[in-house]
Amino acid sequence: MKAIQVKYLCATNIYVLQISMCYKYLCATNNKGSRLKAFADGGCQTTISFPQELSWEQAFYQAAHALCIKYAWPGPLVGGILKNGDYVFCFKNQK
């Protein structure tokens, strides 16, 4: 798993939220289907069912979005894929 530094700068408040996000694909078992697990600093984590109808990039976005919703982190996410194949998401700057 790769740690990804995410910085969020709020235009109306003076603070920076730094989050390291890691992702792990969990294979299907006899009892559960395949899943994606998103981790962040401080023990924050969430697991979603792997959305088979989506692309890998969309699936990882959905996991990152679920983590943000669970912990009420602000701002919309933007992201993509690095040359090494890692998925990267960060908070979009809002003006």
Protein backbone atom coordinates (compact mmCIF):
# COMPACT_ATOMS: atom_id res chain seq x y z
CA MET A 1 0.00 0.00 0.00
CA LYS A 2 1.13 3.53 -0.73
CA ALA A 3 0.65 6.51 1.56
CA ILE A 4 -0.70 9.55 -0.23
CA GLN A 5 -0.41 13.00 1.31
CA VAL A 6 -3.56 15.04 0.83
CA LYS A 7 -3.68 18.70 1.79
CA TYR A 8 -6.86 20.74 2.12
CA LEU A 9 -6.70 24.50 2.38
CA CYS A 10 -9.90 26.26 3.31
CA ALA A 11 -10.17 29.81 2.00
CA THR A 12 -12.31 30.98 4.92
CA ASN A 13 -10.43 29.27 7.76
CA ILE A 14 -6.74 29.10 8.59
CA TYR A 15 -5.97 25.41 8.83
CA VAL A 16 -4.43 22.60 6.83
CA LEU A 17 -5.78 19.07 6.95
CA GLN A 18 -3.11 16.53 5.99
CA ILE A 19 -4.29 13.00 5.37
CA SER A 20 -2.35 9.95 4.27
CA MET A 21 -4.67 7.65 2.35
CA CYS A 22 -3.89 4.02 1.56
CA TYR A 23 -6.02 1.56 -0.36
CA LYS A 24 -6.19 -2.21 -0.29
CA TYR A 25 -8.11 -4.60 -2.54
CA LEU A 26 -9.68 -7.45 -0.56
CA CYS A 27 -10.37 -10.62 -2.56
CA ALA A 28 -13.71 -12.35 -2.41
CA THR A 29 -14.18 -15.05 0.22
CA ASN A 30 -16.82 -17.73 0.73
CA ASN A 31 -18.83 -15.25 2.80
CA LYS A 32 -18.12 -11.82 1.26
CA GLY A 33 -17.60 -10.44 -2.21
CA SER A 34 -14.49 -8.47 -3.22
CA ARG A 35 -14.02 -5.19 -1.39
CA LEU A 36 -11.90 -2.04 -1.28
CA LYS A 37 -10.58 -0.78 2.02
CA ALA A 38 -9.48 2.84 2.44
CA PHE A 39 -7.20 3.77 5.36
CA ALA A 40 -6.10 7.17 6.65
CA ASP A 41 -4.00 8.58 9.48
CA GLY A 42 -5.32 8.23 13.00
CA GLY A 43 -6.98 4.86 12.42
CA CYS A 44 -9.66 6.21 10.07
CA GLN A 45 -10.87 3.47 7.73
CA THR A 46 -13.81 2.27 5.73
CA THR A 47 -14.55 -0.73 3.54
CA ILE A 48 -16.88 -0.78 0.55
CA SER A 49 -18.06 -3.59 -1.69
CA PHE A 50 -16.07 -3.53 -4.91
CA PRO A 51 -18.35 -1.96 -7.52
CA GLN A 52 -17.94 -4.43 -10.41
CA GLU A 53 -19.74 -2.12 -12.84
CA LEU A 54 -17.14 0.67 -12.39
CA SER A 55 -13.59 1.08 -13.64
CA TRP A 56 -10.73 0.69 -11.17
CA GLU A 57 -10.28 4.48 -11.02
CA GLN A 58 -13.97 5.02 -10.31
CA ALA A 59 -13.94 2.26 -7.68
CA PHE A 60 -10.99 3.83 -5.83
CA TYR A 61 -12.69 7.23 -6.06
CA GLN A 62 -15.80 5.72 -4.49
CA ALA A 63 -13.69 4.32 -1.62
CA ALA A 64 -12.00 7.70 -1.07
CA HIS A 65 -15.36 9.47 -1.20
CA ALA A 66 -16.86 7.02 1.32
CA LEU A 67 -13.95 7.73 3.70
CA CYS A 68 -14.52 11.49 3.38
CA ILE A 69 -18.24 11.12 4.05
CA LYS A 70 -17.69 8.86 7.06
CA TYR A 71 -15.34 11.35 8.74
CA ALA A 72 -17.01 14.56 7.44
CA TRP A 73 -13.88 15.78 5.63
CA PRO A 74 -14.58 18.91 3.56
CA GLY A 75 -14.34 19.55 -0.14
CA PRO A 76 -14.80 17.63 -3.35
CA LEU A 77 -12.14 15.14 -4.43
CA VAL A 78 -10.15 15.15 -7.64
CA GLY A 79 -7.75 12.44 -8.66
CA GLY A 80 -6.13 10.20 -11.17
CA ILE A 81 -3.49 7.56 -11.72
CA LEU A 82 0.27 8.00 -11.33
CA LYS A 83 2.70 6.46 -13.82
CA ASN A 84 3.39 3.60 -11.40
CA GLY A 85 -0.32 2.71 -11.27
CA ASP A 86 -1.14 4.19 -7.85
CA TYR A 87 -4.46 5.98 -7.52
CA VAL A 88 -4.20 9.49 -6.09
CA PHE A 89 -6.99 11.65 -4.70
CA CYS A 90 -6.81 15.07 -3.11
CA PHE A 91 -9.18 17.79 -2.06
CA LYS A 92 -10.03 20.34 -4.74
CA ASN A 93 -9.22 23.91 -3.75
CA GLN A 94 -12.36 25.96 -3.29
CA LYS A 95 -12.43 29.71 -3.75
